[in-house]
Amino acid sequence: MPSQLNLYDLTREELRQRFVRWGFSPFHTERLWNYLYLELADSFAAMPDLPAKVRARLVSETQIGVLPTALETDSRDGFTRKYLLTLTDQEKIETVLMRFTGRVTACVSSQVGCAMGCVFCATGQMGYTRHLTPGEIVAQAVHVARALRPKSPAGKCHRLGDTSARLRNVVLMGMGEPLHNYDAVMHAIDILRDPNGLALAGERITVSTVGVVPGILRLAQEKRPLSLAVSLHAATQAERVALVPVAKKWPLDELMAACRTYSTETGRRIFYEWTLIEGKNDSPGQAREVGRLLHGLPAQVNLIPLNPTAGYAGAPTRSEAARIFQRILADEFGLPSTVRQRRGIDIAAGCGQLAVG
C-alpha cells in the first residue's frame, strides 16, 4: 500500500491544486493551511471546521507529518532544549530549540547523518544514511513553534522573556549538509516563508554549507532570499583538507571563487564560520591568513570555539586567543566577527555535536 501524502511536503499552491484535483473548492486550502501553520494542529480531529467529506479524503490519503519525540533534553541553564525525533522509517534526527535575548532559534537537520566527514563534527563521524524530505524539514520547525505556545510544557525551559515568543529564526545547521539535499531544503524553505503560514523572513533563515560549490553557484543563480553561511575552518587548502575532507572535491580556490560569484550576483554578504581549535587554527598568523583570504568580500566571520565530541581529541580555543583572533580581523582587515554564544553544550546540542547512535 503506498504511503500517505505528508501535508508538510506541500506548498500552499500545491495544496490548492490537490483540492481542485479532488473536486473540492480551493477555498478549503486556506482553512487547512491555517490549521497546519497558524493553529499548529497535530491531528485531523483538531480541525472541526473542515467539511466531513474533505476530512474523510484527507484522512484516507494524507497525513500530518508530526515527528514523534523519542527524547527531550534540557540544558542546565534552561535556554536550550534538544529533541530526538523519530521519522516514519524509524530513523532518528536531532532538532534544537535555542533561546537568546530577543529571539528564538530552531536548529534543524536536513539529513540523517552526513556524508561530508568533517573530523570534529559528531554528525560527520556517524556517516550518511539518507536525505530528509521537505516535510521532515518543515516538521522540525513546526515542532519548535508548537513547543513555544504558552500551554506547551516546553515553556519551562525558557527563562528569558515571554514563553509564547514566536519562532522567527531557523538555521539549517543541524545534522546533514543542506546543499547536498538542495531541492528538498529549498522546497521546505518556500513553505516556511509562506506569508500565510509560519511567515519566516528570508534573512532569518540561514543555510550552512561546508562548501558544496555547485550548491553555492545555484543559490547565486536563483538569488534566493536567505542567509548563507560557509564553514571555512582553514585558510589554506592543505589545512582545510585535514579538517574538511570534502575540500579534496571542492578545493579552497574553487570555493572562494563560488563565494565571490554568490556575493556579486546576490549583493549579499556571507557568514564565514571558523571553528576555533586550540593549537590548530587559532594563532594570530592564521587570523591574518583569514583576513587576506576574505579581503574585499562582503563577509562576517563567526568564530565558534570547538565543542567536544567523542570522535575528536581537539580542545576549544581559550577566550584570550579568541579575542586576539577577533581583534586582528577587525583592526588589520576591517572584518566584522562574532564569537558564537554557546548554547546547550552540556546536552550535546551545540554546533557540531548533533548525532544519533
Protein backbone atom coordinates (compact mmCIF):
# COMPACT_ATOMS: atom_id res chain seq x y z
CA MET A 1 0.00 0.00 0.00
CA PRO A 2 1.52 3.37 -0.96
CA SER A 3 2.42 5.68 1.92
CA GLN A 4 0.12 8.58 2.63
CA LEU A 5 0.99 12.05 1.39
CA ASN A 6 2.66 14.21 4.05
CA LEU A 7 0.86 17.55 4.08
CA TYR A 8 4.04 19.25 5.29
CA ASP A 9 5.58 18.36 1.90
CA LEU A 10 3.19 20.71 0.08
CA THR A 11 3.37 24.42 -0.58
CA ARG A 12 0.09 26.29 -0.28
CA GLU A 13 -0.29 26.31 -4.08
CA GLU A 14 0.38 22.57 -4.29
CA LEU A 15 -2.26 22.02 -1.63
CA ARG A 16 -4.73 24.16 -3.57
CA GLN A 17 -4.08 22.11 -6.72
CA ARG A 18 -4.65 18.92 -4.75
CA PHE A 19 -8.07 20.13 -3.58
CA VAL A 20 -9.04 21.11 -7.12
CA ARG A 21 -7.94 17.69 -8.40
CA TRP A 22 -10.16 16.07 -5.76
CA GLY A 23 -13.10 18.17 -6.90
CA PHE A 24 -13.20 20.32 -3.77
CA SER A 25 -13.38 24.08 -3.62
CA PRO A 26 -9.94 25.67 -3.32
CA PHE A 27 -11.49 27.71 -0.50
CA HIS A 28 -10.68 24.83 1.83
CA THR A 29 -6.96 25.33 1.18
CA GLU A 30 -6.73 28.39 3.40
CA ARG A 31 -8.62 26.78 6.25
CA LEU A 32 -6.42 23.70 6.23
CA TRP A 33 -3.28 25.81 5.85
CA ASN A 34 -4.31 27.87 8.89
CA TYR A 35 -4.84 24.71 10.89
CA LEU A 36 -1.40 23.41 9.94
CA TYR A 37 0.73 26.53 10.35
CA LEU A 38 -1.19 29.05 12.46
CA GLU A 39 -3.09 26.82 14.86
CA LEU A 40 -0.37 24.14 14.59
CA ALA A 41 -2.93 21.34 14.69
CA ASP A 42 -1.37 17.90 15.05
CA SER A 43 -4.40 15.81 14.04
CA PHE A 44 -7.43 15.98 11.77
CA ALA A 45 -9.61 15.72 14.87
CA ALA A 46 -8.33 19.18 15.80
CA MET A 47 -9.82 20.63 12.58
CA PRO A 48 -13.56 20.83 13.31
CA ASP A 49 -14.37 23.43 10.64
CA LEU A 50 -13.42 21.19 7.74
CA PRO A 51 -16.41 19.61 5.95
CA ALA A 52 -16.83 15.92 6.67
CA LYS A 53 -16.15 14.86 3.07
CA VAL A 54 -12.93 16.92 2.96
CA ARG A 55 -11.73 15.49 6.27
CA ALA A 56 -12.54 11.97 5.13
CA ARG A 57 -10.46 12.40 1.97
CA LEU A 58 -7.58 13.84 3.97
CA VAL A 59 -7.69 11.00 6.49
CA SER A 60 -7.78 8.46 3.67
CA GLU A 61 -4.94 9.83 1.55
CA THR A 62 -2.79 12.14 3.65
CA GLN A 63 -1.09 12.52 6.97
CA ILE A 64 0.09 15.38 9.15
CA GLY A 65 3.76 14.52 9.35
CA VAL A 66 4.24 15.18 13.05
CA LEU A 67 7.54 13.70 14.21
CA PRO A 68 7.15 11.80 17.50
CA THR A 69 9.59 12.79 20.21
CA ALA A 70 11.76 9.93 21.44
CA LEU A 71 13.62 12.10 23.95
CA GLU A 72 13.68 15.70 25.18
CA THR A 73 16.71 17.06 27.00
CA ASP A 74 17.04 20.46 28.70
CA SER A 75 20.31 22.28 29.26
CA ARG A 76 21.18 23.26 32.81
CA ASP A 77 20.89 26.97 32.03
CA GLY A 78 17.33 26.45 30.81
CA PHE A 79 17.83 28.21 27.46
CA THR A 80 18.19 25.15 25.23
CA ARG A 81 16.13 22.06 24.60
CA LYS A 82 17.17 19.21 22.30
CA TYR A 83 14.64 16.90 20.68
CA LEU A 84 15.36 13.43 19.39
CA LEU A 85 12.67 12.96 16.74
CA THR A 86 11.54 9.74 15.07
CA LEU A 87 10.94 9.53 11.32
CA THR A 88 8.39 7.22 9.68
CA ASP A 89 11.10 4.68 8.81
CA GLN A 90 12.24 4.75 12.47
CA GLU A 91 15.42 6.65 11.67
CA LYS A 92 16.06 9.50 14.10
CA ILE A 93 17.26 13.08 13.89
CA GLU A 94 18.03 15.83 16.38
CA THR A 95 16.49 19.31 16.45
CA VAL A 96 17.37 22.09 18.87
CA LEU A 97 15.40 25.00 20.32
CA MET A 98 17.68 27.81 21.47
CA ARG A 99 16.61 30.97 23.19
CA PHE A 100 18.63 34.18 23.18
CA THR A 101 17.74 37.68 24.30
CA GLY A 102 15.10 38.91 21.89
CA ARG A 103 14.91 35.85 19.67
CA VAL A 104 14.21 32.14 19.49
CA THR A 105 16.05 29.94 17.01
CA ALA A 106 15.30 26.44 15.73
CA CYS A 107 18.34 24.49 14.57
CA VAL A 108 17.00 21.88 12.17
CA SER A 109 18.51 18.90 10.37
CA SER A 110 18.48 18.27 6.63
CA GLN A 111 19.77 14.67 6.52
CA VAL A 112 20.06 11.58 8.67
CA GLY A 113 23.79 11.72 9.24
CA CYS A 114 26.16 13.48 6.85
CA ALA A 115 28.45 12.47 4.00
CA MET A 116 30.91 15.35 4.36
CA GLY A 117 33.02 13.74 7.10
CA CYS A 118 34.29 16.85 8.94
CA VAL A 119 36.62 15.36 11.52
CA PHE A 120 35.44 17.42 14.51
CA CYS A 121 31.69 17.02 13.81
CA ALA A 122 29.68 14.30 15.54
CA THR A 123 27.24 14.07 12.61
CA GLY A 124 30.12 13.64 10.17
CA GLN A 125 31.55 10.94 12.40
CA MET A 126 28.31 8.92 12.22
CA GLY A 127 28.24 8.85 8.40
CA TYR A 128 25.37 9.35 5.96
CA THR A 129 22.08 7.44 5.89
CA ARG A 130 19.62 9.44 3.77
CA HIS A 131 18.19 12.84 2.83
CA LEU A 132 15.23 14.27 4.66
CA THR A 133 12.08 15.14 2.71
CA PRO A 134 10.81 18.73 2.63
CA GLY A 135 8.05 17.73 5.04
CA GLU A 136 10.51 16.25 7.52
CA ILE A 137 12.45 19.52 7.50
CA VAL A 138 9.30 21.63 7.87
CA ALA A 139 8.01 19.38 10.65
CA GLN A 140 11.02 20.25 12.80
CA ALA A 141 10.28 23.98 12.62
CA VAL A 142 6.60 23.30 13.35
CA HIS A 143 7.64 21.14 16.30
CA VAL A 144 9.59 24.05 17.81
CA ALA A 145 6.81 26.55 17.02
CA ARG A 146 4.35 24.25 18.77
CA ALA A 147 6.66 23.96 21.78
CA LEU A 148 6.69 27.76 22.12
CA ARG A 149 2.96 28.02 22.67
CA PRO A 150 2.09 29.12 26.22
CA LYS A 151 0.25 25.88 27.02
CA SER A 152 3.22 23.76 25.94
CA PRO A 153 5.20 22.06 28.71
CA ALA A 154 8.33 23.02 26.76
CA GLY A 155 7.75 26.54 28.07
CA LYS A 156 9.51 25.54 31.28
CA CYS A 157 12.89 25.65 29.54
CA HIS A 158 12.60 29.35 28.64
CA ARG A 159 13.85 31.82 31.20
CA LEU A 160 14.12 34.92 29.05
CA GLY A 161 11.02 36.98 28.45
CA ASP A 162 7.68 35.67 27.29
CA THR A 163 7.43 31.90 26.79
CA SER A 164 4.94 32.46 23.98
CA ALA A 165 7.58 34.10 21.75
CA ARG A 166 7.06 33.30 18.12
CA LEU A 167 9.62 31.31 16.16
CA ARG A 168 11.38 33.81 13.89
CA ASN A 169 14.76 32.23 13.17
CA VAL A 170 15.64 28.90 11.58
CA VAL A 171 19.19 27.73 10.97
CA LEU A 172 19.89 24.67 8.84
CA MET A 173 22.92 23.81 10.93
CA GLY A 174 21.70 20.55 12.42
CA MET A 175 22.51 17.09 11.14
CA GLY A 176 23.48 16.97 7.47
CA GLU A 177 24.78 19.16 4.65
CA PRO A 178 21.84 21.28 3.38
CA LEU A 179 23.27 21.88 -0.11
CA HIS A 180 23.76 18.12 -0.56
CA ASN A 181 19.96 17.93 -0.24
CA TYR A 182 19.35 21.12 -2.20
CA ASP A 183 15.90 20.59 -3.73
CA ALA A 184 14.25 19.34 -0.54
CA VAL A 185 15.81 22.10 1.55
CA MET A 186 14.71 24.88 -0.80
CA HIS A 187 11.21 23.42 -1.08
CA ALA A 188 10.99 23.39 2.72
CA ILE A 189 12.21 26.98 2.91
CA ASP A 190 9.48 28.04 0.45
CA ILE A 191 6.93 26.52 2.83
CA LEU A 192 8.47 28.13 5.92
CA ARG A 193 8.47 31.54 4.21
CA ASP A 194 4.83 31.45 3.15
CA PRO A 195 3.34 34.74 4.45
CA ASN A 196 0.11 32.98 5.44
CA GLY A 197 1.93 30.34 7.48
CA LEU A 198 4.98 30.48 9.72
CA ALA A 199 5.95 33.54 7.66
CA LEU A 200 9.69 33.38 8.33
CA ALA A 201 11.65 36.19 6.73
CA GLY A 202 14.29 35.04 4.26
CA GLU A 203 17.12 36.80 6.09
CA ARG A 204 16.13 34.91 9.25
CA ILE A 205 16.69 31.54 7.56
CA THR A 206 20.34 30.53 7.43
CA VAL A 207 21.66 27.71 5.28
CA SER A 208 25.07 26.50 6.40
CA THR A 209 27.31 24.62 3.99
CA VAL A 210 30.73 23.05 4.37
CA GLY A 211 31.49 24.24 0.85
CA VAL A 212 29.36 22.42 -1.73
CA VAL A 213 30.39 24.58 -4.69
CA PRO A 214 27.59 23.57 -7.13
CA GLY A 215 25.01 24.43 -4.48
CA ILE A 216 26.55 27.83 -3.80
CA LEU A 217 26.58 28.63 -7.52
CA ARG A 218 22.98 27.50 -7.85
CA LEU A 219 21.99 29.77 -4.96
CA ALA A 220 23.78 32.62 -6.72
CA GLN A 221 21.85 31.95 -9.92
CA GLU A 222 18.49 31.62 -8.21
CA LYS A 223 19.09 34.63 -5.92
CA ARG A 224 17.03 33.11 -3.13
CA PRO A 225 16.33 35.45 -0.19
CA LEU A 226 18.13 33.67 2.62
CA SER A 227 21.35 33.92 4.60
CA LEU A 228 24.32 31.77 3.60
CA ALA A 229 26.97 30.53 6.00
CA VAL A 230 30.11 28.80 4.73
CA SER A 231 32.13 26.61 7.08
CA LEU A 232 35.71 27.60 6.33
CA HIS A 233 37.82 26.46 9.35
CA ALA A 234 41.14 26.81 7.50
CA ALA A 235 42.68 29.36 5.14
CA THR A 236 44.92 27.05 3.12
CA GLN A 237 43.99 24.01 1.06
CA ALA A 238 46.27 21.60 2.98
CA GLU A 239 44.95 22.69 6.38
CA ARG A 240 41.35 22.62 5.21
CA VAL A 241 41.58 19.09 3.76
CA ALA A 242 42.84 17.89 7.16
CA LEU A 243 39.67 19.17 8.82
CA VAL A 244 37.14 19.04 6.00
CA PRO A 245 37.82 16.05 3.70
CA VAL A 246 35.31 17.24 1.09
CA ALA A 247 37.78 20.02 0.29
CA LYS A 248 39.52 17.43 -1.87
CA LYS A 249 36.48 17.51 -4.17
CA TRP A 250 35.93 21.27 -3.98
CA PRO A 251 39.31 22.91 -3.28
CA LEU A 252 39.59 26.17 -1.41
CA ASP A 253 40.26 28.27 -4.52
CA GLU A 254 37.11 26.91 -6.20
CA LEU A 255 35.10 27.52 -3.03
CA MET A 256 36.25 31.12 -2.74
CA ALA A 257 35.53 31.73 -6.44
CA ALA A 258 31.99 30.43 -5.87
CA CYS A 259 31.61 32.67 -2.81
CA ARG A 260 32.71 35.71 -4.82
CA THR A 261 30.18 34.82 -7.50
CA TYR A 262 27.45 34.44 -4.90
CA SER A 263 28.14 37.83 -3.32
CA THR A 264 28.41 39.53 -6.73
CA GLU A 265 25.18 38.04 -8.06
CA THR A 266 23.09 38.48 -4.90
CA GLY A 267 24.64 41.51 -3.25
CA ARG A 268 24.64 39.57 0.00
CA ARG A 269 27.40 39.03 2.48
CA ILE A 270 28.35 35.54 3.54
CA PHE A 271 28.85 34.42 7.12
CA TYR A 272 32.14 32.51 7.23
CA GLU A 273 32.26 30.03 10.08
CA TRP A 274 35.54 29.22 11.77
CA THR A 275 35.70 26.54 14.45
CA LEU A 276 38.49 27.61 16.80
CA ILE A 277 40.63 24.62 17.81
CA GLU A 278 43.39 25.27 20.32
CA GLY A 279 46.82 24.99 18.76
CA LYS A 280 45.35 24.06 15.39
CA ASN A 281 43.81 27.10 13.71
CA ASP A 282 43.64 29.83 16.38
CA SER A 283 47.01 31.60 16.04
CA PRO A 284 47.48 35.28 15.15
CA GLY A 285 49.16 34.13 11.92
CA GLN A 286 46.08 32.18 10.91
CA ALA A 287 43.85 35.13 11.75
CA ARG A 288 45.89 37.12 9.24
CA GLU A 289 45.53 34.34 6.66
CA VAL A 290 41.74 34.56 7.10
CA GLY A 291 41.91 38.33 6.70
CA ARG A 292 43.85 38.04 3.46
CA LEU A 293 41.58 35.29 2.14
CA LEU A 294 38.40 37.32 2.72
CA HIS A 295 39.84 40.73 1.80
CA GLY A 296 37.41 42.71 -0.32
CA LEU A 297 34.49 40.35 0.19
CA PRO A 298 31.24 41.30 1.94
CA ALA A 299 31.80 38.99 4.87
CA GLN A 300 31.29 38.39 8.55
CA VAL A 301 33.32 35.79 10.44
CA ASN A 302 31.56 33.65 13.03
CA LEU A 303 34.15 32.28 15.46
CA ILE A 304 32.98 29.06 17.12
CA PRO A 305 35.05 27.59 19.96
CA LEU A 306 35.26 23.85 19.33
CA ASN A 307 32.53 21.83 21.01
CA PRO A 308 33.60 18.43 22.37
CA THR A 309 32.68 15.23 20.53
CA ALA A 310 33.66 11.64 21.26
CA GLY A 311 35.44 11.18 17.93
CA TYR A 312 37.82 14.17 18.02
CA ALA A 313 40.50 14.94 20.59
CA GLY A 314 40.92 18.68 19.97
CA ALA A 315 40.24 21.36 22.59
CA PRO A 316 38.39 24.67 22.26
CA THR A 317 40.41 27.85 21.94
CA ARG A 318 40.92 29.82 25.14
CA SER A 319 38.97 33.08 25.47
CA GLU A 320 42.04 35.31 25.22
CA ALA A 321 43.18 33.63 21.97
CA ALA A 322 39.69 34.12 20.52
CA ARG A 323 39.78 37.81 21.45
CA ILE A 324 43.18 38.26 19.81
CA PHE A 325 41.95 36.47 16.67
CA GLN A 326 38.91 38.73 16.56
CA ARG A 327 40.95 41.89 17.15
CA ILE A 328 43.32 41.09 14.28
CA LEU A 329 40.40 40.59 11.89
CA ALA A 330 38.90 43.93 12.90
CA ASP A 331 41.99 46.12 13.29
CA GLU A 332 44.11 44.86 10.40
CA PHE A 333 41.47 43.84 7.85
CA GLY A 334 38.26 45.63 8.82
CA LEU A 335 36.42 42.32 9.05
CA PRO A 336 33.49 42.13 11.47
CA SER A 337 33.29 38.99 13.56
CA THR A 338 31.43 37.50 16.47
CA VAL A 339 32.33 34.77 18.93
CA ARG A 340 29.40 32.36 18.91
CA GLN A 341 27.41 32.39 22.12
CA ARG A 342 27.49 28.80 23.30
CA ARG A 343 24.22 27.05 23.97
CA GLY A 344 23.42 23.53 25.12
CA ILE A 345 26.97 22.19 25.31
CA ASP A 346 26.13 20.14 28.43
CA ILE A 347 23.46 18.22 26.46
CA ALA A 348 25.49 17.88 23.24
CA ALA A 349 23.25 20.37 21.46
CA GLY A 350 26.00 22.74 20.33
CA CYS A 351 27.41 23.28 16.87
CA GLY A 352 28.96 20.04 15.62
CA GLN A 353 27.58 17.92 18.45
CA LEU A 354 24.35 16.54 16.97
CA ALA A 355 24.31 12.80 16.28
CA VAL A 356 22.26 9.69 16.92
CA GLY A 357 23.51 6.21 17.73
